[in-house]
Amino acid sequence: MPQWLQTLLVARPLVEDADAAGVPYGLVVSLSIVFSVAAALSFIAAASLIGWRKRRSAFATFVVIALLLRAPGFVTEIASLGDRTPEWAGPMLALRALDAICALLFLYVFPTGTFVPRRAALLWSIWAAWVVGTLATPSVNPALNLDQWWAEVTVSLLALTGLAAQVYRYRVASTPRERLQTKWIVYGLAAYVLVFAVQQLVPVFAPTVRGPGAARLWYRLIGDTANDAAAMLVPVTIAVAILRAKLLGIDLIINRTIVYVGVTAALAAVFAGASNAVQYVLGQLTGHGSDAVSIVLAMLVAAAFAPVKSYVQRVVDRRMARAQPRA
């Protein structure tokens, strides 16, 4: 953590971008530190609560370990700490390897501690052997090369198999209580994965965020803040699933999330497409765009929110009612 803070406070990696955007660098750093520390503390708090309430459960102990392994990544430069500080090289390799192994294992065995389906045990064994067996050759270790496309693809595919295993368990082998637990876990992970995926795709469609300037600052500031905020959902949903599966109505939460996020994203896409198209036509006809047209389009989209939301709500309600498995 001191190395991480030194990078932010002393090296000042985004100071030029902050100046270009007219935003005080101290504010940028403060937001980054607050949300990163909050994300780390959320994992530690969930682990502590689960460990205290379920201290006699072997599976709960495993969940505690898995949560604690994730926490340091939010408040330290794990990938570079071993390079800059040789005495930390070994512990950092072990931490990253254990984190990668436990994260996939959690998806395969939650909430009963057994592999469902059973063939997931073979896939996890291969993954664990790969991660541990290549610690001496980091260049072919996917857990240590998440900045490489092949490692990102490998980890992403394995994560999808973990989510698929949870869905399979939900459909085939879960009790009613276990289905509630699965819904909580999938909800938290899906929200985090969605935010992470959007953050990774933005540079593909807006290359300007890669270069220095205000665009990169806003991309990093908004993206990192949203990523940390979404990450906090993961330990919270895990804790609720293990401790109080019926504390809140997860079906209602999922329903409202699908409706509001779906409608907002769809209308935002419609506004962006219509605005760009109209501005292009006006540019061709008059030589310049019109802010008034954009304002009118924004008002039309805002007026459409309520009826579109009502329609989508009815569709989602019907779909979720049909998807409810029989106890």
C-alpha atoms as a PDB file:
ATOM      1  CA  MET A   1       0.000   0.000   0.000  1.00  0.00           C
ATOM      2  CA  PRO A   2       2.792   2.564   0.636  1.00  0.00           C
ATOM      3  CA  GLN A   3       4.139   1.857  -2.864  1.00  0.00           C
ATOM      4  CA  TRP A   4       0.676   2.378  -4.310  1.00  0.00           C
ATOM      5  CA  LEU A   5       0.166   5.648  -2.442  1.00  0.00           C
ATOM      6  CA  GLN A   6       3.618   6.845  -3.475  1.00  0.00           C
ATOM      7  CA  THR A   7       2.752   6.238  -7.114  1.00  0.00           C
ATOM      8  CA  LEU A   8      -0.425   8.295  -6.811  1.00  0.00           C
ATOM      9  CA  LEU A   9       0.855  11.090  -4.591  1.00  0.00           C
ATOM     10  CA  VAL A  10       4.472  11.487  -5.675  1.00  0.00           C
ATOM     11  CA  ALA A  11       4.751  10.147  -9.222  1.00  0.00           C
ATOM     12  CA  ARG A  12       1.434  11.870 -10.091  1.00  0.00           C
ATOM     13  CA  PRO A  13       0.728   9.732 -13.178  1.00  0.00           C
ATOM     14  CA  LEU A  14      -2.334  11.699 -14.387  1.00  0.00           C
ATOM     15  CA  VAL A  15      -1.338  15.223 -13.416  1.00  0.00           C
ATOM     16  CA  GLU A  16      -1.118  16.441 -17.042  1.00  0.00           C
ATOM     17  CA  ASP A  17      -4.517  14.968 -17.820  1.00  0.00           C
ATOM     18  CA  ALA A  18      -6.000  16.658 -14.754  1.00  0.00           C
ATOM     19  CA  ASP A  19      -4.554  20.003 -15.842  1.00  0.00           C
ATOM     20  CA  ALA A  20      -5.989  19.554 -19.333  1.00  0.00           C
ATOM     21  CA  ALA A  21      -9.435  18.830 -17.869  1.00  0.00           C
ATOM     22  CA  GLY A  22      -9.237  21.678 -15.381  1.00  0.00           C
ATOM     23  CA  VAL A  23      -9.716  19.310 -12.448  1.00  0.00           C
ATOM     24  CA  PRO A  24      -7.498  19.542  -9.330  1.00  0.00           C
ATOM     25  CA  TYR A  25      -5.199  16.549  -9.222  1.00  0.00           C
ATOM     26  CA  GLY A  26      -5.765  16.261  -5.480  1.00  0.00           C
ATOM     27  CA  LEU A  27      -9.452  15.629  -6.104  1.00  0.00           C
ATOM     28  CA  VAL A  28      -8.652  12.916  -8.651  1.00  0.00           C
ATOM     29  CA  VAL A  29      -6.280  11.172  -6.254  1.00  0.00           C
ATOM     30  CA  SER A  30      -8.697  11.488  -3.346  1.00  0.00           C
ATOM     31  CA  LEU A  31     -11.513   9.807  -5.258  1.00  0.00           C
ATOM     32  CA  SER A  32      -9.197   7.037  -6.423  1.00  0.00           C
ATOM     33  CA  ILE A  33      -7.912   6.367  -2.907  1.00  0.00           C
ATOM     34  CA  VAL A  34     -11.347   6.528  -1.256  1.00  0.00           C
ATOM     35  CA  PHE A  35     -13.026   4.094  -3.638  1.00  0.00           C
ATOM     36  CA  SER A  36     -10.062   1.723  -3.784  1.00  0.00           C
ATOM     37  CA  VAL A  37      -9.769   1.554  -0.009  1.00  0.00           C
ATOM     38  CA  ALA A  38     -13.549   1.168   0.309  1.00  0.00           C
ATOM     39  CA  ALA A  39     -13.486  -1.762  -2.119  1.00  0.00           C
ATOM     40  CA  ALA A  40     -10.677  -3.451  -0.189  1.00  0.00           C
ATOM     41  CA  LEU A  41     -12.438  -2.859   3.132  1.00  0.00           C
ATOM     42  CA  SER A  42     -15.683  -4.306   1.766  1.00  0.00           C
ATOM     43  CA  PHE A  43     -13.919  -7.598   1.007  1.00  0.00           C
ATOM     44  CA  ILE A  44     -12.215  -7.595   4.422  1.00  0.00           C
ATOM     45  CA  ALA A  45     -15.467  -6.729   6.232  1.00  0.00           C
ATOM     46  CA  ALA A  46     -17.425  -9.460   4.444  1.00  0.00           C
ATOM     47  CA  ALA A  47     -14.679 -11.987   5.203  1.00  0.00           C
ATOM     48  CA  SER A  48     -14.607 -10.968   8.865  1.00  0.00           C
ATOM     49  CA  LEU A  49     -18.386 -11.170   9.220  1.00  0.00           C
ATOM     50  CA  ILE A  50     -18.604 -14.572   7.534  1.00  0.00           C
ATOM     51  CA  GLY A  51     -15.678 -15.889   9.553  1.00  0.00           C
ATOM     52  CA  TRP A  52     -17.260 -14.700  12.800  1.00  0.00           C
ATOM     53  CA  ARG A  53     -20.789 -15.947  12.080  1.00  0.00           C
ATOM     54  CA  LYS A  54     -19.765 -19.242  10.406  1.00  0.00           C
ATOM     55  CA  ARG A  55     -16.502 -20.030  12.179  1.00  0.00           C
ATOM     56  CA  ARG A  56     -17.338 -23.741  12.457  1.00  0.00           C
ATOM     57  CA  SER A  57     -17.944 -24.176   8.737  1.00  0.00           C
ATOM     58  CA  ALA A  58     -15.052 -25.407   6.620  1.00  0.00           C
ATOM     59  CA  PHE A  59     -16.642 -24.013   3.450  1.00  0.00           C
ATOM     60  CA  ALA A  60     -17.163 -20.605   5.063  1.00  0.00           C
ATOM     61  CA  THR A  61     -13.475 -20.610   6.001  1.00  0.00           C
ATOM     62  CA  PHE A  62     -12.606 -21.171   2.352  1.00  0.00           C
ATOM     63  CA  VAL A  63     -14.858 -18.252   1.342  1.00  0.00           C
ATOM     64  CA  VAL A  64     -13.116 -16.049   3.920  1.00  0.00           C
ATOM     65  CA  ILE A  65      -9.726 -16.938   2.432  1.00  0.00           C
ATOM     66  CA  ALA A  66     -10.953 -16.282  -1.120  1.00  0.00           C
ATOM     67  CA  LEU A  67     -12.296 -12.847  -0.139  1.00  0.00           C
ATOM     68  CA  LEU A  68      -9.119 -11.865   1.698  1.00  0.00           C
ATOM     69  CA  LEU A  69      -7.001 -12.855  -1.291  1.00  0.00           C
ATOM     70  CA  ARG A  70      -8.896 -10.336  -3.442  1.00  0.00           C
ATOM     71  CA  ALA A  71      -8.585  -7.361  -1.078  1.00  0.00           C
ATOM     72  CA  PRO A  72      -4.889  -6.396  -1.586  1.00  0.00           C
ATOM     73  CA  GLY A  73      -5.332  -5.903  -5.325  1.00  0.00           C
ATOM     74  CA  PHE A  74      -7.371  -2.754  -4.752  1.00  0.00           C
ATOM     75  CA  VAL A  75      -4.759  -0.944  -2.660  1.00  0.00           C
ATOM     76  CA  THR A  76      -1.403  -2.036  -3.982  1.00  0.00           C
ATOM     77  CA  GLU A  77       0.458  -2.492  -7.249  1.00  0.00           C
ATOM     78  CA  ILE A  78       0.686  -6.258  -6.865  1.00  0.00           C
ATOM     79  CA  ALA A  79       1.942  -6.877 -10.391  1.00  0.00           C
ATOM     80  CA  SER A  80       4.934  -4.546 -10.020  1.00  0.00           C
ATOM     81  CA  LEU A  81       5.611  -4.793  -6.270  1.00  0.00           C
ATOM     82  CA  GLY A  82       7.714  -7.932  -6.677  1.00  0.00           C
ATOM     83  CA  ASP A  83       9.778  -6.314  -9.444  1.00  0.00           C
ATOM     84  CA  ARG A  84      10.535  -3.191  -7.442  1.00  0.00           C
ATOM     85  CA  THR A  85      10.976  -4.919  -4.081  1.00  0.00           C
ATOM     86  CA  PRO A  86      12.732  -8.308  -4.485  1.00  0.00           C
ATOM     87  CA  GLU A  87      11.841  -9.579  -0.995  1.00  0.00           C
ATOM     88  CA  TRP A  88       8.156  -9.343  -1.960  1.00  0.00           C
ATOM     89  CA  ALA A  89       8.533 -11.268  -5.217  1.00  0.00           C
ATOM     90  CA  GLY A  90       7.810 -14.698  -3.733  1.00  0.00           C
ATOM     91  CA  PRO A  91       4.809 -13.678  -1.597  1.00  0.00           C
ATOM     92  CA  MET A  92       3.302 -11.734  -4.492  1.00  0.00           C
ATOM     93  CA  LEU A  93       3.567 -14.736  -6.835  1.00  0.00           C
ATOM     94  CA  ALA A  94       1.944 -16.955  -4.226  1.00  0.00           C
ATOM     95  CA  LEU A  95      -0.826 -14.424  -3.566  1.00  0.00           C
ATOM     96  CA  ARG A  96      -1.697 -14.015  -7.250  1.00  0.00           C
ATOM     97  CA  ALA A  97      -1.632 -17.778  -7.864  1.00  0.00           C
ATOM     98  CA  LEU A  98      -3.838 -18.569  -4.852  1.00  0.00           C
ATOM     99  CA  ASP A  99      -6.246 -15.797  -5.793  1.00  0.00           C
ATOM    100  CA  ALA A 100      -6.648 -17.178  -9.315  1.00  0.00           C
ATOM    101  CA  ILE A 101      -7.128 -20.744  -8.078  1.00  0.00           C
ATOM    102  CA  CYS A 102      -9.587 -19.895  -5.291  1.00  0.00           C
ATOM    103  CA  ALA A 103     -11.685 -17.534  -7.424  1.00  0.00           C
ATOM    104  CA  LEU A 104     -12.503 -20.256  -9.956  1.00  0.00           C
ATOM    105  CA  LEU A 105     -12.963 -22.876  -7.246  1.00  0.00           C
ATOM    106  CA  PHE A 106     -15.512 -20.638  -5.530  1.00  0.00           C
ATOM    107  CA  LEU A 107     -17.636 -20.477  -8.686  1.00  0.00           C
ATOM    108  CA  TYR A 108     -17.555 -24.252  -9.110  1.00  0.00           C
ATOM    109  CA  VAL A 109     -18.429 -25.253  -5.537  1.00  0.00           C
ATOM    110  CA  PHE A 110     -20.652 -22.494  -4.097  1.00  0.00           C
ATOM    111  CA  PRO A 111     -22.837 -22.887  -2.004  1.00  0.00           C
ATOM    112  CA  THR A 112     -22.496 -26.559  -0.978  1.00  0.00           C
ATOM    113  CA  GLY A 113     -18.734 -27.081  -1.245  1.00  0.00           C
ATOM    114  CA  THR A 114     -19.127 -29.808  -3.877  1.00  0.00           C
ATOM    115  CA  PHE A 115     -18.441 -29.664  -7.609  1.00  0.00           C
ATOM    116  CA  VAL A 116     -21.589 -29.363  -9.742  1.00  0.00           C
ATOM    117  CA  PRO A 117     -21.336 -30.631 -12.419  1.00  0.00           C
ATOM    118  CA  ARG A 118     -18.679 -33.130 -11.436  1.00  0.00           C
ATOM    119  CA  ARG A 119     -16.604 -32.583 -14.577  1.00  0.00           C
ATOM    120  CA  ALA A 120     -15.897 -29.083 -13.288  1.00  0.00           C
ATOM    121  CA  ALA A 121     -13.467 -30.705 -10.850  1.00  0.00           C
ATOM    122  CA  LEU A 122     -11.298 -31.857 -13.772  1.00  0.00           C
ATOM    123  CA  LEU A 123     -11.312 -28.414 -15.381  1.00  0.00           C
ATOM    124  CA  TRP A 124     -10.401 -26.747 -12.090  1.00  0.00           C
ATOM    125  CA  SER A 125      -7.600 -29.278 -11.478  1.00  0.00           C
ATOM    126  CA  ILE A 126      -6.115 -28.485 -14.886  1.00  0.00           C
ATOM    127  CA  TRP A 127      -6.314 -24.763 -14.157  1.00  0.00           C
ATOM    128  CA  ALA A 128      -4.718 -25.119 -10.723  1.00  0.00           C
ATOM    129  CA  ALA A 129      -1.926 -27.302 -12.121  1.00  0.00           C
ATOM    130  CA  TRP A 130      -1.292 -24.784 -14.908  1.00  0.00           C
ATOM    131  CA  VAL A 131      -1.087 -21.823 -12.517  1.00  0.00           C
ATOM    132  CA  VAL A 132       1.118 -23.575  -9.952  1.00  0.00           C
ATOM    133  CA  GLY A 133       3.236 -25.427 -12.502  1.00  0.00           C
ATOM    134  CA  THR A 134       4.226 -22.262 -14.360  1.00  0.00           C
ATOM    135  CA  LEU A 135       5.151 -20.064 -11.401  1.00  0.00           C
ATOM    136  CA  ALA A 136       8.809 -20.552 -12.351  1.00  0.00           C
ATOM    137  CA  THR A 137       8.021 -19.513 -15.952  1.00  0.00           C
ATOM    138  CA  PRO A 138       5.762 -16.465 -15.538  1.00  0.00           C
ATOM    139  CA  SER A 139       5.602 -15.770 -19.283  1.00  0.00           C
ATOM    140  CA  VAL A 140       3.230 -18.730 -19.774  1.00  0.00           C
ATOM    141  CA  ASN A 141       1.240 -18.254 -16.573  1.00  0.00           C
ATOM    142  CA  PRO A 142      -2.163 -16.686 -17.361  1.00  0.00           C
ATOM    143  CA  ALA A 143      -2.680 -15.473 -13.794  1.00  0.00           C
ATOM    144  CA  LEU A 144       0.522 -13.430 -14.057  1.00  0.00           C
ATOM    145  CA  ASN A 145      -0.113 -12.015 -17.549  1.00  0.00           C
ATOM    146  CA  LEU A 146      -3.549 -10.446 -17.394  1.00  0.00           C
ATOM    147  CA  ASP A 147      -2.308  -7.610 -19.593  1.00  0.00           C
ATOM    148  CA  GLN A 148      -1.851 -10.085 -22.465  1.00  0.00           C
ATOM    149  CA  TRP A 149      -4.760 -10.923 -24.776  1.00  0.00           C
ATOM    150  CA  TRP A 150      -4.312 -14.709 -24.513  1.00  0.00           C
ATOM    151  CA  ALA A 151      -4.407 -14.587 -20.722  1.00  0.00           C
ATOM    152  CA  GLU A 152      -7.463 -12.308 -20.736  1.00  0.00           C
ATOM    153  CA  VAL A 153      -9.264 -14.693 -23.096  1.00  0.00           C
ATOM    154  CA  THR A 154      -8.317 -17.724 -20.984  1.00  0.00           C
ATOM    155  CA  VAL A 155      -9.416 -16.177 -17.708  1.00  0.00           C
ATOM    156  CA  SER A 156     -12.614 -14.801 -19.261  1.00  0.00           C
ATOM    157  CA  LEU A 157     -13.585 -18.195 -20.680  1.00  0.00           C
ATOM    158  CA  LEU A 158     -12.919 -19.893 -17.360  1.00  0.00           C
ATOM    159  CA  ALA A 159     -14.991 -17.279 -15.549  1.00  0.00           C
ATOM    160  CA  LEU A 160     -17.830 -17.960 -17.972  1.00  0.00           C
ATOM    161  CA  THR A 161     -17.591 -21.683 -17.235  1.00  0.00           C
ATOM    162  CA  GLY A 162     -17.884 -20.819 -13.541  1.00  0.00           C
ATOM    163  CA  LEU A 163     -21.022 -18.777 -14.134  1.00  0.00           C
ATOM    164  CA  ALA A 164     -22.357 -21.571 -16.360  1.00  0.00           C
ATOM    165  CA  ALA A 165     -21.732 -24.031 -13.529  1.00  0.00           C
ATOM    166  CA  GLN A 166     -23.759 -21.819 -11.186  1.00  0.00           C
ATOM    167  CA  VAL A 167     -26.623 -21.688 -13.693  1.00  0.00           C
ATOM    168  CA  TYR A 168     -26.467 -25.472 -14.161  1.00  0.00           C
ATOM    169  CA  ARG A 169     -26.516 -26.003 -10.401  1.00  0.00           C
ATOM    170  CA  TYR A 170     -29.476 -23.618 -10.119  1.00  0.00           C
ATOM    171  CA  ARG A 171     -31.459 -25.436 -12.791  1.00  0.00           C
ATOM    172  CA  VAL A 172     -30.605 -29.030 -11.868  1.00  0.00           C
ATOM    173  CA  ALA A 173     -29.329 -29.582  -8.361  1.00  0.00           C
ATOM    174  CA  SER A 174     -30.223 -26.680  -6.057  1.00  0.00           C
ATOM    175  CA  THR A 175     -32.741 -26.606  -3.247  1.00  0.00           C
ATOM    176  CA  PRO A 176     -35.009 -23.533  -2.973  1.00  0.00           C
ATOM    177  CA  ARG A 177     -32.628 -21.926  -0.452  1.00  0.00           C
ATOM    178  CA  GLU A 178     -29.604 -22.684  -2.634  1.00  0.00           C
ATOM    179  CA  ARG A 179     -31.371 -21.064  -5.591  1.00  0.00           C
ATOM    180  CA  LEU A 180     -31.697 -17.870  -3.570  1.00  0.00           C
ATOM    181  CA  GLN A 181     -28.006 -18.012  -2.734  1.00  0.00           C
ATOM    182  CA  THR A 182     -27.088 -18.571  -6.381  1.00  0.00           C
ATOM    183  CA  LYS A 183     -29.181 -15.581  -7.461  1.00  0.00           C
ATOM    184  CA  TRP A 184     -27.333 -13.322  -5.038  1.00  0.00           C
ATOM    185  CA  ILE A 185     -23.922 -14.509  -6.214  1.00  0.00           C
ATOM    186  CA  VAL A 186     -24.715 -14.284  -9.928  1.00  0.00           C
ATOM    187  CA  TYR A 187     -26.254 -10.831  -9.455  1.00  0.00           C
ATOM    188  CA  GLY A 188     -23.151  -9.421  -7.763  1.00  0.00           C
ATOM    189  CA  LEU A 189     -20.724 -11.030 -10.207  1.00  0.00           C
ATOM    190  CA  ALA A 190     -22.778 -10.069 -13.267  1.00  0.00           C
ATOM    191  CA  ALA A 191     -22.883  -6.412 -12.236  1.00  0.00           C
ATOM    192  CA  TYR A 192     -19.129  -6.377 -11.688  1.00  0.00           C
ATOM    193  CA  VAL A 193     -18.371  -8.187 -14.956  1.00  0.00           C
ATOM    194  CA  LEU A 194     -20.666  -5.837 -16.902  1.00  0.00           C
ATOM    195  CA  VAL A 195     -18.941  -2.707 -15.588  1.00  0.00           C
ATOM    196  CA  PHE A 196     -15.518  -4.261 -16.180  1.00  0.00           C
ATOM    197  CA  ALA A 197     -16.443  -5.238 -19.758  1.00  0.00           C
ATOM    198  CA  VAL A 198     -17.729  -1.735 -20.564  1.00  0.00           C
ATOM    199  CA  GLN A 199     -14.537  -0.237 -19.149  1.00  0.00           C
ATOM    200  CA  GLN A 200     -12.438  -2.488 -21.389  1.00  0.00           C
ATOM    201  CA  LEU A 201     -14.528  -1.799 -24.510  1.00  0.00           C
ATOM    202  CA  VAL A 202     -14.594   1.998 -24.266  1.00  0.00           C
ATOM    203  CA  PRO A 203     -11.045   2.418 -25.708  1.00  0.00           C
ATOM    204  CA  VAL A 204     -12.029   0.223 -28.664  1.00  0.00           C
ATOM    205  CA  PHE A 205     -14.837   2.591 -29.703  1.00  0.00           C
ATOM    206  CA  ALA A 206     -13.232   5.799 -28.388  1.00  0.00           C
ATOM    207  CA  PRO A 207      -9.459   5.571 -29.011  1.00  0.00           C
ATOM    208  CA  THR A 208      -8.962   9.127 -27.742  1.00  0.00           C
ATOM    209  CA  VAL A 209      -9.102   7.855 -24.146  1.00  0.00           C
ATOM    210  CA  ARG A 210      -5.775   6.081 -24.698  1.00  0.00           C
ATOM    211  CA  GLY A 211      -3.802   9.239 -25.311  1.00  0.00           C
ATOM    212  CA  PRO A 212      -2.961  12.030 -22.876  1.00  0.00           C
ATOM    213  CA  GLY A 213      -5.558  14.675 -22.206  1.00  0.00           C
ATOM    214  CA  ALA A 214      -8.918  15.301 -20.581  1.00  0.00           C
ATOM    215  CA  ALA A 215     -10.583  12.303 -22.264  1.00  0.00           C
ATOM    216  CA  ARG A 216      -8.164   9.874 -20.638  1.00  0.00           C
ATOM    217  CA  LEU A 217      -8.637  11.492 -17.247  1.00  0.00           C
ATOM    218  CA  TRP A 218     -12.429  11.176 -17.347  1.00  0.00           C
ATOM    219  CA  TYR A 219     -12.171   7.630 -18.673  1.00  0.00           C
ATOM    220  CA  ARG A 220      -9.824   6.578 -15.877  1.00  0.00           C
ATOM    221  CA  LEU A 221     -11.677   8.497 -13.180  1.00  0.00           C
ATOM    222  CA  ILE A 222     -15.193   7.361 -14.091  1.00  0.00           C
ATOM    223  CA  GLY A 223     -14.137   3.858 -15.151  1.00  0.00           C
ATOM    224  CA  ASP A 224     -12.009   3.094 -12.094  1.00  0.00           C
ATOM    225  CA  THR A 225     -14.583   4.558  -9.714  1.00  0.00           C
ATOM    226  CA  ALA A 226     -17.418   2.559 -11.293  1.00  0.00           C
ATOM    227  CA  ASN A 227     -15.254  -0.577 -11.286  1.00  0.00           C
ATOM    228  CA  ASP A 228     -14.461  -0.231  -7.576  1.00  0.00           C
ATOM    229  CA  ALA A 229     -18.104   0.523  -6.745  1.00  0.00           C
ATOM    230  CA  ALA A 230     -19.277  -2.545  -8.683  1.00  0.00           C
ATOM    231  CA  ALA A 231     -16.594  -4.667  -7.021  1.00  0.00           C
ATOM    232  CA  MET A 232     -18.116  -3.823  -3.640  1.00  0.00           C
ATOM    233  CA  LEU A 233     -21.268  -5.672  -4.687  1.00  0.00           C
ATOM    234  CA  VAL A 234     -19.356  -8.957  -4.862  1.00  0.00           C
ATOM    235  CA  PRO A 235     -18.487  -9.348  -1.140  1.00  0.00           C
ATOM    236  CA  VAL A 236     -21.837  -7.863  -0.106  1.00  0.00           C
ATOM    237  CA  THR A 237     -23.832 -10.375  -2.166  1.00  0.00           C
ATOM    238  CA  ILE A 238     -21.608 -13.236  -1.025  1.00  0.00           C
ATOM    239  CA  ALA A 239     -22.137 -12.282   2.622  1.00  0.00           C
ATOM    240  CA  VAL A 240     -25.899 -11.981   2.167  1.00  0.00           C
ATOM    241  CA  ALA A 241     -26.044 -15.312   0.314  1.00  0.00           C
ATOM    242  CA  ILE A 242     -24.173 -17.134   3.074  1.00  0.00           C
ATOM    243  CA  LEU A 243     -25.608 -15.405   6.133  1.00  0.00           C
ATOM    244  CA  ARG A 244     -29.084 -14.169   5.273  1.00  0.00           C
ATOM    245  CA  ALA A 245     -30.293 -15.515   1.932  1.00  0.00           C
ATOM    246  CA  LYS A 246     -33.861 -14.308   2.616  1.00  0.00           C
ATOM    247  CA  LEU A 247     -32.968 -10.907   4.027  1.00  0.00           C
ATOM    248  CA  LEU A 248     -33.930  -9.068   0.842  1.00  0.00           C
ATOM    249  CA  GLY A 249     -36.026  -9.868  -2.215  1.00  0.00           C
ATOM    250  CA  ILE A 250     -33.356 -10.710  -4.752  1.00  0.00           C
ATOM    251  CA  ASP A 251     -35.978 -11.395  -7.450  1.00  0.00           C
ATOM    252  CA  LEU A 252     -37.257  -7.835  -7.131  1.00  0.00           C
ATOM    253  CA  ILE A 253     -33.707  -6.442  -7.193  1.00  0.00           C
ATOM    254  CA  ILE A 254     -32.856  -8.397 -10.352  1.00  0.00           C
ATOM    255  CA  ASN A 255     -36.141  -7.368 -11.956  1.00  0.00           C
ATOM    256  CA  ARG A 256     -35.626  -3.654 -11.312  1.00  0.00           C
ATOM    257  CA  THR A 257     -31.972  -3.796 -12.360  1.00  0.00           C
ATOM    258  CA  ILE A 258     -32.828  -5.383 -15.706  1.00  0.00           C
ATOM    259  CA  VAL A 259     -35.604  -2.876 -16.360  1.00  0.00           C
ATOM    260  CA  TYR A 260     -33.836   0.349 -15.411  1.00  0.00           C
ATOM    261  CA  VAL A 261     -30.395  -0.541 -16.768  1.00  0.00           C
ATOM    262  CA  GLY A 262     -31.866  -1.987 -19.960  1.00  0.00           C
ATOM    263  CA  VAL A 263     -34.167   0.964 -20.658  1.00  0.00           C
ATOM    264  CA  THR A 264     -31.498   3.539 -19.807  1.00  0.00           C
ATOM    265  CA  ALA A 265     -28.902   1.854 -22.026  1.00  0.00           C
ATOM    266  CA  ALA A 266     -31.368   1.464 -24.920  1.00  0.00           C
ATOM    267  CA  LEU A 267     -32.558   5.084 -24.792  1.00  0.00           C
ATOM    268  CA  ALA A 268     -28.989   6.355 -24.446  1.00  0.00           C
ATOM    269  CA  ALA A 269     -28.037   4.401 -27.564  1.00  0.00           C
ATOM    270  CA  VAL A 270     -31.077   5.770 -29.429  1.00  0.00           C
ATOM    271  CA  PHE A 271     -30.220   9.326 -28.389  1.00  0.00           C
ATOM    272  CA  ALA A 272     -26.563   8.964 -29.375  1.00  0.00           C
ATOM    273  CA  GLY A 273     -27.421   7.442 -32.751  1.00  0.00           C
ATOM    274  CA  ALA A 274     -30.189   9.935 -33.550  1.00  0.00           C
ATOM    275  CA  SER A 275     -28.138  12.919 -32.402  1.00  0.00           C
ATOM    276  CA  ASN A 276     -25.112  11.907 -34.470  1.00  0.00           C
ATOM    277  CA  ALA A 277     -27.278  11.235 -37.530  1.00  0.00           C
ATOM    278  CA  VAL A 278     -29.135  14.563 -37.287  1.00  0.00           C
ATOM    279  CA  GLN A 279     -25.963  16.528 -36.628  1.00  0.00           C
ATOM    280  CA  TYR A 280     -24.328  14.872 -39.643  1.00  0.00           C
ATOM    281  CA  VAL A 281     -27.256  15.758 -41.908  1.00  0.00           C
ATOM    282  CA  LEU A 282     -27.328  19.340 -40.613  1.00  0.00           C
ATOM    283  CA  GLY A 283     -23.590  19.579 -41.141  1.00  0.00           C
ATOM    284  CA  GLN A 284     -23.951  18.483 -44.737  1.00  0.00           C
ATOM    285  CA  LEU A 285     -26.834  20.884 -45.401  1.00  0.00           C
ATOM    286  CA  THR A 286     -25.840  23.979 -43.423  1.00  0.00           C
ATOM    287  CA  GLY A 287     -22.166  23.466 -42.646  1.00  0.00           C
ATOM    288  CA  HIS A 288     -22.653  23.352 -38.868  1.00  0.00           C
ATOM    289  CA  GLY A 289     -24.596  21.466 -36.212  1.00  0.00           C
ATOM    290  CA  SER A 290     -27.294  22.641 -33.818  1.00  0.00           C
ATOM    291  CA  ASP A 291     -27.351  22.413 -30.024  1.00  0.00           C
ATOM    292  CA  ALA A 292     -31.093  23.100 -30.074  1.00  0.00           C
ATOM    293  CA  VAL A 293     -31.713  19.891 -32.015  1.00  0.00           C
ATOM    294  CA  SER A 294     -29.761  17.887 -29.442  1.00  0.00           C
ATOM    295  CA  ILE A 295     -31.806  19.456 -26.648  1.00  0.00           C
ATOM    296  CA  VAL A 296     -35.075  18.583 -28.394  1.00  0.00           C
ATOM    297  CA  LEU A 297     -33.917  15.001 -28.962  1.00  0.00           C
ATOM    298  CA  ALA A 298     -32.904  14.723 -25.280  1.00  0.00           C
ATOM    299  CA  MET A 299     -36.373  15.950 -24.233  1.00  0.00           C
ATOM    300  CA  LEU A 300     -38.065  13.414 -26.528  1.00  0.00           C
ATOM    301  CA  VAL A 301     -35.939  10.580 -25.158  1.00  0.00           C
ATOM    302  CA  ALA A 302     -36.672  11.662 -21.573  1.00  0.00           C
ATOM    303  CA  ALA A 303     -40.407  11.751 -22.344  1.00  0.00           C
ATOM    304  CA  ALA A 304     -40.184   8.247 -23.790  1.00  0.00           C
ATOM    305  CA  PHE A 305     -38.604   6.821 -20.635  1.00  0.00           C
ATOM    306  CA  ALA A 306     -41.827   6.206 -18.697  1.00  0.00           C
ATOM    307  CA  PRO A 307     -43.813   4.379 -21.439  1.00  0.00           C
ATOM    308  CA  VAL A 308     -40.792   2.368 -22.564  1.00  0.00           C
ATOM    309  CA  LYS A 309     -40.027   1.457 -18.955  1.00  0.00           C
ATOM    310  CA  SER A 310     -43.630   0.306 -18.411  1.00  0.00           C
ATOM    311  CA  TYR A 311     -43.524  -1.893 -21.504  1.00  0.00           C
ATOM    312  CA  VAL A 312     -40.163  -3.428 -20.598  1.00  0.00           C
ATOM    313  CA  GLN A 313     -41.393  -3.970 -17.023  1.00  0.00           C
ATOM    314  CA  ARG A 314     -44.336  -6.035 -18.272  1.00  0.00           C
ATOM    315  CA  VAL A 315     -42.087  -8.090 -20.546  1.00  0.00           C
ATOM    316  CA  VAL A 316     -39.555  -8.764 -17.789  1.00  0.00           C
ATOM    317  CA  ASP A 317     -42.290  -9.686 -15.311  1.00  0.00           C
ATOM    318  CA  ARG A 318     -43.694 -12.270 -17.723  1.00  0.00           C
ATOM    319  CA  ARG A 319     -40.260 -13.690 -18.546  1.00  0.00           C
ATOM    320  CA  MET A 320     -39.199 -13.997 -14.922  1.00  0.00           C
ATOM    321  CA  ALA A 321     -42.497 -15.623 -13.974  1.00  0.00           C
ATOM    322  CA  ARG A 322     -41.995 -18.262 -16.672  1.00  0.00           C
ATOM    323  CA  ALA A 323     -38.341 -18.786 -15.663  1.00  0.00           C
ATOM    324  CA  GLN A 324     -39.146 -19.560 -12.025  1.00  0.00           C
ATOM    325  CA  PRO A 325     -38.167 -23.220 -11.459  1.00  0.00           C
ATOM    326  CA  ARG A 326     -40.553 -25.477  -9.611  1.00  0.00           C
ATOM    327  CA  ALA A 327     -39.479 -26.262  -6.047  1.00  0.00           C
END
